[in-house]
Every structure is written in C-alpha cells, then in structure tokens.
N, C-alpha and C. Protein backbone atom coordinates (compact mmCIF):
# COMPACT_ATOMS: atom_id res chain seq x y z
N MET A 1 34.37 217.78 170.61
CA MET A 1 33.58 217.46 171.70
C MET A 1 33.39 215.84 171.76
N ARG A 2 32.65 215.46 173.02
CA ARG A 2 32.69 214.18 173.19
C ARG A 2 31.40 213.88 174.20
N VAL A 3 30.85 212.77 173.85
CA VAL A 3 29.98 212.17 174.87
C VAL A 3 30.40 211.95 176.04
N ARG A 4 29.72 212.49 177.30
CA ARG A 4 30.34 212.27 178.39
C ARG A 4 29.19 211.67 179.37
N PHE A 5 29.26 210.53 179.91
CA PHE A 5 28.47 209.98 181.29
C PHE A 5 28.86 209.82 182.24
N ARG A 6 28.80 210.20 183.47
CA ARG A 6 29.57 210.57 184.52
C ARG A 6 28.61 209.89 185.66
N VAL A 7 29.37 209.32 186.65
CA VAL A 7 28.30 208.73 187.87
C VAL A 7 29.38 208.30 188.96
N ARG A 8 28.80 208.63 190.17
CA ARG A 8 29.53 207.85 191.19
C ARG A 8 29.07 206.41 191.86
N LEU A 9 29.76 205.81 192.00
CA LEU A 9 29.38 204.52 192.25
C LEU A 9 29.88 203.84 193.50
N PRO A 10 29.36 204.05 194.50
CA PRO A 10 29.68 203.85 195.86
C PRO A 10 29.54 202.30 196.27
N SER A 11 30.64 201.47 195.47
CA SER A 11 30.57 200.09 195.57
C SER A 11 31.04 199.87 197.20
N PRO A 12 30.16 198.69 197.81
CA PRO A 12 29.55 197.68 197.04
C PRO A 12 28.17 197.92 196.85
N LEU A 13 27.64 199.34 196.76
CA LEU A 13 26.20 199.68 197.39
C LEU A 13 25.39 199.24 195.70
N PRO A 14 24.14 198.92 195.41
CA PRO A 14 23.50 198.97 194.32
C PRO A 14 23.46 200.24 193.56
N ILE A 15 23.86 199.99 191.88
CA ILE A 15 23.85 200.93 191.40
C ILE A 15 22.56 202.27 191.10
N ALA A 16 22.81 203.29 191.31
CA ALA A 16 21.38 204.10 191.54
C ALA A 16 21.08 204.34 190.12
N PRO A 17 19.61 204.58 189.87
CA PRO A 17 19.10 204.96 188.46
C PRO A 17 19.68 206.46 188.14
N GLY A 18 19.88 206.46 186.67
CA GLY A 18 20.10 207.82 186.25
C GLY A 18 21.80 207.48 186.07
N THR A 19 22.42 206.62 186.16
CA THR A 19 23.84 206.66 186.46
C THR A 19 24.46 206.44 185.07
N VAL A 20 25.61 206.48 184.70
CA VAL A 20 26.08 205.94 183.32
C VAL A 20 25.58 204.65 182.89
N ILE A 21 25.80 203.72 183.63
CA ILE A 21 25.26 202.38 183.38
C ILE A 21 23.98 202.25 182.97
N HIS A 22 23.23 203.02 183.29
CA HIS A 22 21.71 203.04 182.74
C HIS A 22 21.63 203.82 181.53
N GLU A 23 22.10 204.96 181.50
CA GLU A 23 22.44 205.65 180.28
C GLU A 23 23.00 204.78 179.04
N LEU A 24 24.10 203.97 179.45
CA LEU A 24 24.34 203.16 178.30
C LEU A 24 23.71 201.91 178.41
N ALA A 25 22.82 201.75 179.15
CA ALA A 25 22.02 200.58 178.85
C ALA A 25 21.16 201.03 178.00
N ALA A 26 20.45 202.31 177.96
CA ALA A 26 19.17 202.39 177.53
C ALA A 26 19.84 202.90 175.75
N LEU A 27 21.08 203.07 175.45
CA LEU A 27 21.59 203.44 174.43
C LEU A 27 21.74 201.85 173.49
N LEU A 28 22.11 201.07 174.19
CA LEU A 28 22.38 199.65 173.74
C LEU A 28 20.99 199.11 173.33
N ARG A 29 19.96 199.34 174.33
CA ARG A 29 18.63 198.65 173.75
C ARG A 29 17.98 199.16 172.42
N ARG A 30 18.52 200.71 172.25
CA ARG A 30 17.75 201.12 171.11
C ARG A 30 18.67 200.63 169.75
N LEU A 31 19.79 200.03 169.84
CA LEU A 31 20.47 199.71 168.75
C LEU A 31 19.90 198.52 167.98
N PRO A 32 20.31 198.40 166.63
CA PRO A 32 19.48 197.41 165.96
C PRO A 32 20.06 195.73 166.23
N PRO A 33 19.14 195.01 165.96
CA PRO A 33 19.88 193.79 166.39
C PRO A 33 21.17 193.39 165.51
N SER A 34 22.25 192.81 165.88
CA SER A 34 23.21 192.37 165.25
C SER A 34 23.55 190.90 165.15
N CYS A 35 23.11 190.01 165.38
CA CYS A 35 23.21 188.65 165.33
C CYS A 35 21.82 187.87 165.45
N GLY A 36 21.18 187.90 164.56
CA GLY A 36 19.77 187.24 164.81
C GLY A 36 18.79 188.28 165.17
N PRO A 37 18.22 187.92 166.43
CA PRO A 37 17.24 188.76 167.00
C PRO A 37 18.24 189.40 168.47
N VAL A 38 19.45 189.30 168.35
CA VAL A 38 20.41 189.63 169.61
C VAL A 38 21.10 190.82 169.04
N ARG A 39 21.25 191.95 170.05
CA ARG A 39 22.14 193.09 170.17
C ARG A 39 23.37 192.38 170.96
N LEU A 40 24.42 192.09 169.92
CA LEU A 40 25.72 191.72 170.53
C LEU A 40 26.41 192.51 170.84
N ILE A 41 26.86 192.51 172.17
CA ILE A 41 27.84 193.78 172.75
C ILE A 41 28.97 193.33 173.08
N GLY A 42 30.16 193.88 172.60
CA GLY A 42 31.55 193.12 172.94
C GLY A 42 31.95 194.05 174.17
N ILE A 43 32.79 193.51 174.88
CA ILE A 43 33.31 194.47 175.98
C ILE A 43 34.88 193.90 176.20
N ASP A 44 35.82 194.69 175.65
CA ASP A 44 37.33 194.11 175.29
C ASP A 44 38.05 195.28 176.19
N GLY A 45 39.31 194.72 176.42
CA GLY A 45 40.42 195.49 177.04
C GLY A 45 41.38 194.76 177.40
N HIS A 46 42.84 194.99 178.00
CA HIS A 46 43.62 194.19 178.70
C HIS A 46 43.23 193.52 179.85
N ALA A 47 43.53 192.47 180.01
CA ALA A 47 43.61 191.72 181.20
C ALA A 47 43.78 192.26 182.69
N GLY A 48 42.92 192.84 183.27
CA GLY A 48 43.10 193.05 184.54
C GLY A 48 42.43 194.72 184.41
N SER A 49 41.83 194.98 183.30
CA SER A 49 41.26 196.43 182.89
C SER A 49 39.87 196.65 183.66
N GLY A 50 39.28 195.47 184.33
CA GLY A 50 37.93 195.70 184.90
C GLY A 50 36.77 195.26 183.97
N LYS A 51 37.12 194.35 182.88
CA LYS A 51 35.84 194.16 182.03
C LYS A 51 34.97 193.20 182.81
N SER A 52 35.05 192.55 183.44
CA SER A 52 34.22 191.49 184.35
C SER A 52 33.21 191.95 185.12
N THR A 53 33.71 193.42 185.93
CA THR A 53 33.09 194.14 186.91
C THR A 53 32.09 195.04 186.24
N PHE A 54 32.43 195.60 185.10
CA PHE A 54 31.76 196.33 184.19
C PHE A 54 30.44 195.80 183.82
N ALA A 55 31.17 194.46 183.36
CA ALA A 55 29.89 193.71 182.39
C ALA A 55 28.64 193.36 183.49
N GLY A 56 29.13 192.92 184.53
CA GLY A 56 28.03 192.51 185.50
C GLY A 56 27.46 193.66 185.96
N ARG A 57 27.99 194.89 186.21
CA ARG A 57 26.91 196.26 186.32
C ARG A 57 26.15 196.52 185.03
N LEU A 58 26.80 196.38 184.28
CA LEU A 58 26.09 196.70 182.91
C LEU A 58 24.73 195.59 182.91
N SER A 59 24.95 194.24 182.90
CA SER A 59 23.98 193.15 182.78
C SER A 59 22.85 193.89 183.90
N ARG A 60 22.95 194.01 184.88
CA ARG A 60 21.83 194.29 185.89
C ARG A 60 21.12 195.44 185.45
N ALA A 61 21.87 196.08 184.71
CA ALA A 61 21.07 197.43 184.11
C ALA A 61 20.15 197.12 182.96
N LEU A 62 20.50 195.98 182.19
CA LEU A 62 19.82 195.54 181.22
C LEU A 62 18.83 194.16 181.48
N ASP A 63 18.29 194.54 182.80
CA ASP A 63 17.73 193.61 183.45
C ASP A 63 18.20 192.20 183.31
N ASP A 64 19.27 191.99 183.76
CA ASP A 64 20.36 190.63 183.81
C ASP A 64 20.30 190.06 182.54
N ALA A 65 20.83 190.69 181.80
CA ALA A 65 21.24 190.56 180.41
C ALA A 65 22.09 189.26 180.37
N PRO A 66 22.07 188.09 179.58
CA PRO A 66 23.21 187.19 179.74
C PRO A 66 24.66 187.67 179.61
N VAL A 67 25.69 187.24 180.13
CA VAL A 67 27.00 187.70 179.58
C VAL A 67 27.99 186.27 179.52
N LEU A 68 28.19 186.51 178.40
CA LEU A 68 29.08 185.35 177.71
C LEU A 68 30.64 185.66 178.18
N ARG A 69 31.20 185.01 179.09
CA ARG A 69 32.57 185.45 179.32
C ARG A 69 33.64 184.79 178.54
N LEU A 70 34.14 185.14 178.03
CA LEU A 70 35.35 184.22 176.87
C LEU A 70 36.28 183.43 177.69
N ASP A 71 36.69 183.57 179.26
CA ASP A 71 37.11 183.04 179.82
C ASP A 71 36.47 181.42 179.98
N ASP A 72 35.39 181.47 179.73
CA ASP A 72 34.70 180.16 179.87
C ASP A 72 34.91 179.23 178.36
N ILE A 73 35.19 180.08 177.35
CA ILE A 73 35.18 179.17 176.22
C ILE A 73 36.81 178.91 175.78
N SER A 74 37.64 179.72 176.20
CA SER A 74 39.32 179.59 176.05
C SER A 74 39.75 178.45 177.05
N GLY A 75 41.40 178.70 177.09
CA GLY A 75 41.61 177.49 178.08
C GLY A 75 43.05 177.52 177.73
N HIS A 76 43.67 176.95 178.73
CA HIS A 76 45.05 177.19 178.94
C HIS A 76 46.33 176.80 177.64
N ASP A 77 45.50 175.92 176.69
CA ASP A 77 46.15 175.61 175.25
C ASP A 77 45.75 176.39 174.50
N GLU A 78 44.43 177.01 174.54
CA GLU A 78 43.93 177.95 173.64
C GLU A 78 43.56 179.43 174.34
N LEU A 79 44.50 180.13 174.55
CA LEU A 79 44.34 181.42 175.28
C LEU A 79 43.60 182.06 174.55
N PHE A 80 43.80 182.23 172.81
CA PHE A 80 43.34 183.13 171.93
C PHE A 80 42.77 182.34 170.81
N ASP A 81 43.23 181.05 170.54
CA ASP A 81 42.77 180.17 169.59
C ASP A 81 41.39 179.69 169.45
N TRP A 82 40.46 180.41 170.16
CA TRP A 82 38.91 179.91 170.23
C TRP A 82 37.98 180.38 169.23
N THR A 83 38.15 181.01 168.30
CA THR A 83 37.36 181.81 167.17
C THR A 83 36.52 180.74 166.64
N GLY A 84 36.84 179.53 166.17
CA GLY A 84 36.10 178.62 165.67
C GLY A 84 35.04 178.01 166.58
N ARG A 85 35.11 177.99 167.56
CA ARG A 85 34.45 177.23 168.68
C ARG A 85 33.44 178.16 169.11
N LEU A 86 34.11 179.89 169.18
CA LEU A 86 32.87 180.50 169.49
C LEU A 86 31.99 180.92 168.38
N LEU A 87 32.43 180.75 166.98
CA LEU A 87 31.20 180.86 165.84
C LEU A 87 30.28 179.90 165.74
N THR A 88 31.00 178.48 165.78
CA THR A 88 30.35 177.24 165.90
C THR A 88 29.40 176.85 166.80
N GLN A 89 29.57 177.34 168.07
CA GLN A 89 29.00 177.00 169.34
C GLN A 89 27.67 178.21 169.91
N VAL A 90 28.41 179.36 169.41
CA VAL A 90 27.67 180.55 170.06
C VAL A 90 26.86 181.31 168.78
N ILE A 91 27.88 181.92 168.07
CA ILE A 91 27.34 182.94 167.07
C ILE A 91 26.41 182.60 165.82
N GLU A 92 26.69 181.13 165.43
CA GLU A 92 25.56 180.65 164.27
C GLU A 92 24.53 180.36 164.87
N PRO A 93 24.34 179.74 166.21
CA PRO A 93 23.04 179.41 166.51
C PRO A 93 22.13 180.80 166.84
N LEU A 94 23.07 181.46 167.62
CA LEU A 94 22.12 182.60 167.84
C LEU A 94 21.65 183.53 166.63
N SER A 95 22.54 183.60 165.72
CA SER A 95 22.54 184.22 164.42
C SER A 95 20.88 183.86 163.72
N ARG A 96 20.49 182.35 163.95
CA ARG A 96 19.41 181.90 163.42
C ARG A 96 18.02 181.91 164.53
N GLY A 97 18.38 182.42 165.45
CA GLY A 97 17.33 182.58 166.73
C GLY A 97 17.19 181.54 167.54
N ASN A 98 18.49 180.56 167.10
CA ASN A 98 18.45 179.31 168.15
C ASN A 98 18.95 179.65 169.73
N THR A 99 18.69 178.73 170.80
CA THR A 99 19.52 178.70 171.88
C THR A 99 20.89 178.14 171.46
N ALA A 100 21.95 178.69 171.74
CA ALA A 100 23.60 178.21 171.84
C ALA A 100 23.84 177.41 172.84
N HIS A 101 24.73 176.63 172.49
CA HIS A 101 25.01 175.71 173.80
C HIS A 101 26.65 175.84 173.65
N TYR A 102 27.30 175.95 174.67
CA TYR A 102 28.64 175.90 174.41
C TYR A 102 29.32 175.39 175.61
N ALA A 103 30.57 174.74 175.11
CA ALA A 103 31.35 173.87 176.09
C ALA A 103 32.18 174.96 177.46
N LEU A 104 31.74 174.58 178.47
CA LEU A 104 32.40 175.56 179.76
C LEU A 104 33.69 174.96 180.14
N TYR A 105 34.70 175.56 179.78
CA TYR A 105 36.30 175.27 180.29
C TYR A 105 36.53 175.58 182.00
N ASP A 106 36.82 174.50 182.39
CA ASP A 106 36.93 174.56 183.92
C ASP A 106 38.54 174.72 184.00
N TRP A 107 39.07 175.50 184.65
CA TRP A 107 40.46 176.34 184.57
C TRP A 107 41.09 175.47 185.80
N HIS A 108 40.48 175.02 186.67
CA HIS A 108 41.35 174.40 187.51
C HIS A 108 41.24 172.44 187.27
N ALA A 109 40.43 172.02 186.44
CA ALA A 109 40.40 170.63 186.09
C ALA A 109 41.38 170.78 184.61
N ARG A 110 41.36 171.98 184.11
CA ARG A 110 41.89 172.09 182.93
C ARG A 110 41.32 171.12 181.75
N ARG A 111 39.90 171.21 181.65
CA ARG A 111 39.19 170.47 180.61
C ARG A 111 38.04 171.09 180.71
N PHE A 112 37.36 170.70 179.20
CA PHE A 112 35.84 171.40 178.92
C PHE A 112 34.74 170.68 179.88
N GLY A 113 33.68 171.11 180.21
CA GLY A 113 32.64 170.51 180.88
C GLY A 113 31.67 170.23 180.04
N PRO A 114 30.44 169.72 180.31
CA PRO A 114 29.24 169.73 179.81
C PRO A 114 28.77 171.45 178.99
N PRO A 115 28.11 171.22 177.96
CA PRO A 115 27.53 172.51 177.29
C PRO A 115 26.59 173.08 178.57
N ARG A 116 26.70 174.57 178.20
CA ARG A 116 25.85 175.71 179.00
C ARG A 116 25.29 176.19 177.99
N PRO A 117 23.72 176.47 177.99
CA PRO A 117 22.77 176.97 177.09
C PRO A 117 23.15 178.77 177.18
N LEU A 118 22.85 179.02 176.15
CA LEU A 118 22.54 180.61 176.05
C LEU A 118 21.63 180.84 174.99
N ALA A 119 20.59 181.11 175.68
CA ALA A 119 18.92 181.65 174.76
C ALA A 119 19.36 182.82 174.42
N PRO A 120 18.65 183.06 173.01
CA PRO A 120 18.53 184.34 172.29
C PRO A 120 17.84 185.59 173.48
N ALA A 121 18.66 186.65 173.57
CA ALA A 121 17.95 187.65 174.52
C ALA A 121 18.26 188.88 173.52
N PRO A 122 17.51 189.88 174.07
CA PRO A 122 17.67 191.10 173.39
C PRO A 122 18.88 192.09 173.44
N VAL A 123 19.69 191.65 174.51
CA VAL A 123 20.99 192.05 174.50
C VAL A 123 22.13 190.90 175.35
N ILE A 124 23.02 190.42 174.75
CA ILE A 124 23.85 189.49 175.12
C ILE A 124 25.39 190.31 175.50
N LEU A 125 26.08 190.15 176.31
CA LEU A 125 27.24 190.96 176.36
C LEU A 125 28.17 189.82 176.37
N VAL A 126 29.34 190.11 175.37
CA VAL A 126 30.49 189.22 175.49
C VAL A 126 31.76 189.95 175.93
N GLU A 127 32.15 189.41 176.90
CA GLU A 127 33.19 190.16 178.04
C GLU A 127 34.44 189.21 177.81
N GLY A 128 35.68 189.91 177.52
CA GLY A 128 36.98 189.36 177.57
C GLY A 128 37.97 189.70 176.45
N VAL A 129 39.18 189.37 176.87
CA VAL A 129 40.43 189.99 176.01
C VAL A 129 39.77 189.31 174.65
N GLY A 130 39.63 190.37 173.43
CA GLY A 130 39.66 189.54 172.15
C GLY A 130 38.00 189.62 171.79
N ALA A 131 37.33 190.17 172.57
CA ALA A 131 35.84 190.10 172.31
C ALA A 131 35.65 191.25 171.13
N GLY A 132 36.41 191.83 170.86
CA GLY A 132 36.52 192.83 169.52
C GLY A 132 37.23 192.35 168.45
N ARG A 133 37.56 190.91 168.24
CA ARG A 133 38.71 190.81 167.37
C ARG A 133 37.70 190.69 165.91
N ARG A 134 38.32 190.57 165.04
CA ARG A 134 38.02 191.05 163.46
C ARG A 134 36.89 190.02 163.17
N ALA A 135 37.08 188.53 163.70
CA ALA A 135 36.03 187.71 163.14
C ALA A 135 34.80 187.88 163.84
N LEU A 136 34.52 188.56 165.06
CA LEU A 136 33.55 188.58 165.80
C LEU A 136 32.66 189.87 165.56
N ARG A 137 33.56 190.93 165.06
CA ARG A 137 33.04 192.34 164.85
C ARG A 137 31.91 192.42 164.15
N PRO A 138 31.59 191.82 162.70
CA PRO A 138 30.73 191.99 161.93
C PRO A 138 29.47 191.52 162.59
N ARG A 139 29.34 190.80 163.79
CA ARG A 139 27.87 190.41 164.57
C ARG A 139 27.78 191.26 165.82
N LEU A 140 28.94 192.14 166.08
CA LEU A 140 28.59 193.04 167.37
C LEU A 140 27.83 194.29 167.01
N ALA A 141 26.94 194.71 167.67
CA ALA A 141 26.13 195.80 167.58
C ALA A 141 26.78 196.86 168.18
N HIS A 142 27.85 197.04 169.18
CA HIS A 142 28.50 197.86 169.68
C HIS A 142 29.94 197.29 170.34
N LEU A 143 31.01 198.08 170.20
CA LEU A 143 32.16 197.08 170.77
C LEU A 143 32.50 198.29 171.98
N LEU A 144 32.83 197.92 173.24
CA LEU A 144 32.89 198.80 174.29
C LEU A 144 34.74 198.31 174.62
N TRP A 145 35.47 199.49 174.85
CA TRP A 145 36.87 199.10 175.49
C TRP A 145 37.29 199.75 176.67
N MET A 146 37.54 199.03 177.67
CA MET A 146 37.91 199.47 178.75
C MET A 146 39.22 200.12 178.63
N GLU A 147 39.15 201.54 179.12
CA GLU A 147 40.33 202.44 178.74
C GLU A 147 41.49 202.29 179.87
N LEU A 148 42.43 201.18 179.81
CA LEU A 148 43.22 201.45 180.99
C LEU A 148 44.65 200.89 180.31
N ALA A 149 45.65 201.62 180.49
CA ALA A 149 47.03 201.58 179.88
C ALA A 149 46.92 199.75 180.16
N ARG A 150 47.85 199.17 179.35
CA ARG A 150 48.00 197.65 179.53
C ARG A 150 48.87 197.28 180.76
N ASP A 151 49.98 197.79 180.97
CA ASP A 151 50.91 197.74 181.75
C ASP A 151 49.84 198.17 183.33
N GLU A 152 49.41 198.98 183.37
CA GLU A 152 48.37 199.25 184.68
C GLU A 152 47.60 198.09 184.86
N ALA A 153 46.94 197.62 183.47
CA ALA A 153 45.89 196.35 184.07
C ALA A 153 46.77 195.30 184.12
N TRP A 154 47.83 194.84 183.66
CA TRP A 154 48.49 193.59 183.79
C TRP A 154 48.64 193.61 185.52
N ALA A 155 49.34 194.70 185.77
CA ALA A 155 49.70 194.73 187.51
C ALA A 155 48.55 194.38 188.32
N ARG A 156 47.43 195.17 188.05
CA ARG A 156 46.33 194.85 188.71
C ARG A 156 45.77 193.61 188.57
N GLY A 157 46.04 192.91 187.40
CA GLY A 157 45.69 191.39 187.63
C GLY A 157 46.61 190.61 188.21
N ARG A 158 47.55 190.98 188.14
CA ARG A 158 48.98 190.07 188.68
C ARG A 158 48.79 190.32 190.32
N ALA A 159 48.45 191.52 190.75
CA ALA A 159 47.95 191.72 191.98
C ALA A 159 46.76 191.12 192.63
N ARG A 160 45.81 190.86 191.59
CA ARG A 160 44.41 189.82 191.95
C ARG A 160 44.63 188.60 192.37
N ASP A 161 45.31 188.02 191.40
CA ASP A 161 45.61 186.49 191.30
C ASP A 161 46.87 186.19 192.01
N GLY A 162 47.56 186.93 192.36
CA GLY A 162 48.70 186.18 193.61
C GLY A 162 49.99 185.63 192.74
N GLU A 163 50.97 185.42 193.74
CA GLU A 163 52.13 184.68 193.32
C GLU A 163 52.08 183.28 192.38
N GLU A 164 50.95 182.69 193.06
CA GLU A 164 50.69 181.43 192.27
C GLU A 164 50.51 181.44 190.83
N GLN A 165 49.89 182.29 190.36
CA GLN A 165 49.37 182.39 189.23
C GLN A 165 50.72 183.09 188.28
N ARG A 166 51.73 183.53 188.75
CA ARG A 166 52.91 184.28 188.17
C ARG A 166 53.40 183.55 186.95
N GLU A 167 53.40 182.42 187.07
CA GLU A 167 53.88 181.55 185.68
C GLU A 167 53.01 181.81 184.48
N PHE A 168 51.68 181.85 184.78
CA PHE A 168 50.59 181.70 183.94
C PHE A 168 50.56 183.44 183.59
N TRP A 169 50.89 184.09 184.26
CA TRP A 169 50.67 185.75 183.98
C TRP A 169 51.57 185.93 182.97
N ASP A 170 52.95 185.21 183.07
CA ASP A 170 54.04 185.61 182.03
C ASP A 170 53.78 185.06 181.01
N GLY A 171 53.22 183.95 180.68
CA GLY A 171 52.73 183.34 179.38
C GLY A 171 51.76 184.32 178.76
N TRP A 172 50.61 184.85 179.89
CA TRP A 172 49.57 185.52 179.42
C TRP A 172 49.80 186.31 178.52
N VAL A 173 50.86 187.47 179.35
CA VAL A 173 51.42 188.67 178.65
C VAL A 173 51.82 188.44 177.28
N ARG A 174 52.92 187.47 176.89
CA ARG A 174 53.21 187.25 175.80
C ARG A 174 52.22 186.94 174.82
N ALA A 175 51.07 185.93 175.13
CA ALA A 175 50.13 185.92 174.32
C ALA A 175 48.99 187.14 174.06
N GLU A 176 48.88 188.07 175.01
CA GLU A 176 48.15 189.18 174.43
C GLU A 176 48.72 190.17 173.82
N ARG A 177 50.06 190.27 173.90
CA ARG A 177 50.82 191.01 173.15
C ARG A 177 50.68 190.64 171.69
N GLU A 178 50.87 189.39 171.87
CA GLU A 178 51.03 188.91 170.24
C GLU A 178 49.63 188.98 169.61
N HIS A 179 48.45 188.88 170.49
CA HIS A 179 47.25 188.85 169.74
C HIS A 179 46.23 190.25 169.40
N PHE A 180 46.80 191.38 170.19
CA PHE A 180 46.42 192.53 169.65
C PHE A 180 47.71 193.22 168.76
N ALA A 181 48.77 192.76 168.52
CA ALA A 181 49.61 193.24 167.58
C ALA A 181 49.05 192.71 166.20
N GLU A 182 48.56 191.49 166.17
CA GLU A 182 47.92 191.13 164.97
C GLU A 182 46.41 191.40 164.73
N ASP A 183 45.42 191.48 165.96
CA ASP A 183 44.30 191.77 165.73
C ASP A 183 43.68 192.61 166.87
N PRO A 184 44.09 193.88 166.58
CA PRO A 184 43.89 194.90 167.53
C PRO A 184 42.26 195.26 167.87
N SER A 185 41.88 195.77 168.72
CA SER A 185 40.24 195.78 168.72
C SER A 185 40.38 197.48 169.32
N ARG A 186 40.85 197.98 169.96
CA ARG A 186 40.81 199.50 170.45
C ARG A 186 40.40 200.33 169.15
N PRO A 187 41.08 200.24 168.00
CA PRO A 187 40.74 201.14 166.97
C PRO A 187 39.24 200.95 166.43
N PHE A 188 38.47 199.69 166.87
CA PHE A 188 37.41 199.60 166.10
C PHE A 188 36.08 199.71 167.36
N ALA A 189 36.78 200.32 168.63
CA ALA A 189 35.45 200.58 169.71
C ALA A 189 34.73 201.74 169.39
N ASP A 190 33.48 201.10 169.84
CA ASP A 190 32.35 202.27 169.34
C ASP A 190 32.52 203.44 170.80
N LEU A 191 32.76 202.90 171.93
CA LEU A 191 32.99 203.69 173.23
C LEU A 191 34.26 203.31 173.91
N LEU A 192 34.94 204.39 174.64
CA LEU A 192 35.91 204.03 175.28
C LEU A 192 35.19 204.12 176.79
N VAL A 193 35.53 203.34 177.85
CA VAL A 193 35.02 203.15 179.22
C VAL A 193 36.14 203.25 180.27
N ARG A 194 36.29 204.38 180.87
CA ARG A 194 37.50 204.78 181.83
C ARG A 194 36.50 204.71 183.37
N GLN A 195 37.18 203.93 184.24
CA GLN A 195 36.71 204.13 185.75
C GLN A 195 37.71 204.78 186.53
N GLY A 196 37.13 205.76 187.37
CA GLY A 196 37.93 206.49 187.90
C GLY A 196 37.44 206.99 189.31
N ALA A 197 38.06 207.52 190.62
CA ALA A 197 37.56 207.85 191.86
C ALA A 197 36.24 208.05 192.00
N GLU A 198 35.38 208.67 191.00
CA GLU A 198 34.19 209.26 190.80
C GLU A 198 33.15 208.34 189.92
N GLY A 199 33.76 207.20 189.69
CA GLY A 199 32.70 206.44 188.54
C GLY A 199 33.34 206.40 187.19
N TYR A 200 32.36 205.66 186.43
CA TYR A 200 32.68 205.38 185.10
C TYR A 200 32.37 206.73 184.19
N GLU A 201 33.16 206.96 183.13
CA GLU A 201 32.98 207.54 182.23
C GLU A 201 33.21 207.15 180.62
N ALA A 202 32.21 207.41 179.78
CA ALA A 202 32.11 206.67 178.50
C ALA A 202 32.33 207.77 177.38
N VAL A 203 33.40 207.55 176.63
CA VAL A 203 33.72 208.73 175.36
C VAL A 203 33.53 208.08 174.13
N PRO A 204 33.24 208.45 173.02
CA PRO A 204 33.58 207.96 171.99
C PRO A 204 34.77 207.27 171.78
N GLY A 205 34.73 206.23 171.14
CA GLY A 205 36.02 205.37 170.67
C GLY A 205 36.27 205.90 169.44
N PRO A 206 37.48 205.08 168.81
CA PRO A 206 37.81 205.47 167.38
C PRO A 206 36.57 205.50 166.31
N ALA A 207 36.02 204.21 166.62
CA ALA A 207 34.93 204.07 165.33
C ALA A 207 33.65 204.94 165.64
N GLY A 208 33.55 205.01 166.88
CA GLY A 208 32.35 206.09 166.98
C GLY A 208 32.46 207.33 166.64
N ALA A 209 33.79 207.75 166.97
CA ALA A 209 34.28 209.27 166.38
C ALA A 209 34.20 209.19 165.01
N ARG A 210 34.57 208.20 164.13
CA ARG A 210 34.76 208.28 162.87
C ARG A 210 32.81 208.46 162.08
N ARG A 211 32.49 207.60 162.75
CA ARG A 211 30.93 207.48 162.43
C ARG A 211 30.12 208.89 162.50
N ALA A 212 30.59 209.54 163.70
CA ALA A 212 30.07 210.73 163.73
C ALA A 212 30.61 211.81 163.31
N GLY A 213 31.84 211.62 162.59
CA GLY A 213 32.20 212.69 161.34
C GLY A 213 33.26 213.20 161.80
N GLY A 214 34.18 212.76 162.77
CA GLY A 214 35.44 212.98 163.41
C GLY A 214 35.14 213.57 164.63
N PRO A 215 36.50 213.63 165.21
CA PRO A 215 36.70 213.75 166.83
C PRO A 215 36.07 215.08 167.20
N HIS A 216 35.84 216.04 166.27
CA HIS A 216 35.55 217.27 167.01
C HIS A 216 34.26 217.54 166.54
N GLN A 217 33.25 216.65 166.23
CA GLN A 217 31.96 216.84 165.94
C GLN A 217 31.26 216.61 167.36
N ILE A 218 30.05 217.28 167.67
CA ILE A 218 29.49 217.66 168.86
C ILE A 218 28.42 216.38 168.91
N VAL A 219 28.53 215.59 169.69
CA VAL A 219 27.57 214.39 169.94
C VAL A 219 27.05 214.12 171.44
N THR A 220 25.72 214.14 171.23
CA THR A 220 24.91 214.31 172.46
C THR A 220 24.36 212.86 172.77
N HIS A 221 24.15 212.46 174.01
CA HIS A 221 23.23 211.22 174.25
C HIS A 221 21.84 211.44 173.44
N GLY A 222 21.02 212.48 173.12
CA GLY A 222 19.94 212.29 172.70
C GLY A 222 20.29 211.93 170.84
N ASP A 223 21.56 212.42 170.40
CA ASP A 223 21.72 212.47 168.90
C ASP A 223 21.92 210.65 168.80
C-alpha cells in the first residue's frame, strides 16, 4: 500500500485548503529540524519536471517559506559544481542558527551579484536539480522527487525555453546525465510527487518505503 494525497488544482486559481499541498505542508512542519533550527526540504527532479512551480505552491502553503533555488547559486561554468559554495554560504550558517548570505548568479550577465540574505526559518525549501545530492542529504529533513521521466521533462524544458536556448540545453542534458549517474537522488527520496490532469499525488519514495518497512506496508497520513 502507499500514501496517497490527491487534489484538483484549477490553475491559476489559489490552492484550496485541504489539498495535497496543505497535507504535505502539515507533514513537513512536524518533522524535526535537520539543519540547526531549520527543516531543510529538498525538491529534486530532472530539469523541466515542474520543481519550481511545485516549490512555489508548497512555499505558500508553508506561510511563504523561503525557497532557495539552486539556479541562483550555480552558473554556466558550474552547472553542478556548486557544493562547496552551498555548504559554506548557506548550510554552515543555517546550521548555527545564523542568517546565510549567498551570491546570486545572473544568467544574463553571466556573473554573480551581491549576496542575498537567507534567514533561518522553520522550513526552507531547496529546489533544483541536485537538491538531493549526497553532500546535502545529511542536512535534509525530507527529500521530494518530482516523478517525471527524464526525456519528457527535458522535452518540456526545451519547449519552455525555446530555440534560443537549444545549445545550452544540449550541454545541460549531458551534464545532468553525468551528475545523476555519479550522484543519484531518486533512490533516496522520501516522497515521489507526480502531477496529473487532476492535480498532484504524493507517494512514498524508495527511502520512505524502506523506513516504513518495505513497499507493501500500510502507511497512512496519521502514521
């Protein structure tokens, strides 16, 4: 058996109370802190899988919880080589209960700008490809994986960004393949999040199923 939360999300209307987003928000609030006073929640998945949209909706359900977008700390020359900067600028200060300051990358100017503050909050969402990498997992209270096949996700991303980004996407696809081959996230996901015509559905991921005693154990929201 598996946990199921279903909801109809009539975009672009506001999310109604009692939906999967709010059920999930309640679950995340109950988790113990994982990075100092913060419950750090990773939202990972292939590029184009809907992470940003989902993170925005979940943030609103968490009373506008901060969202750290990994696109803001990566860059053209460091698509995935940003672990040290994330740990130094963000994770270490938050783990001490201090406000973090991280340099924001400008994808048009191709350079980092002034530091942006990120104060400790009860829940902070870390959204982006690689949010579940092994260097970050020990600090995560929960890891969510957007469950969409990579080819479908990449096709959505290419369609979204248009022909002018074709060369960038060619390089991105190669880099993402290499990243997940060496440092996969999905096997460590607590929940898999799927979006369909009727809304989102969240089911236990590989890590969540293992902790629950296997994929056939009955798990409910109350549990």
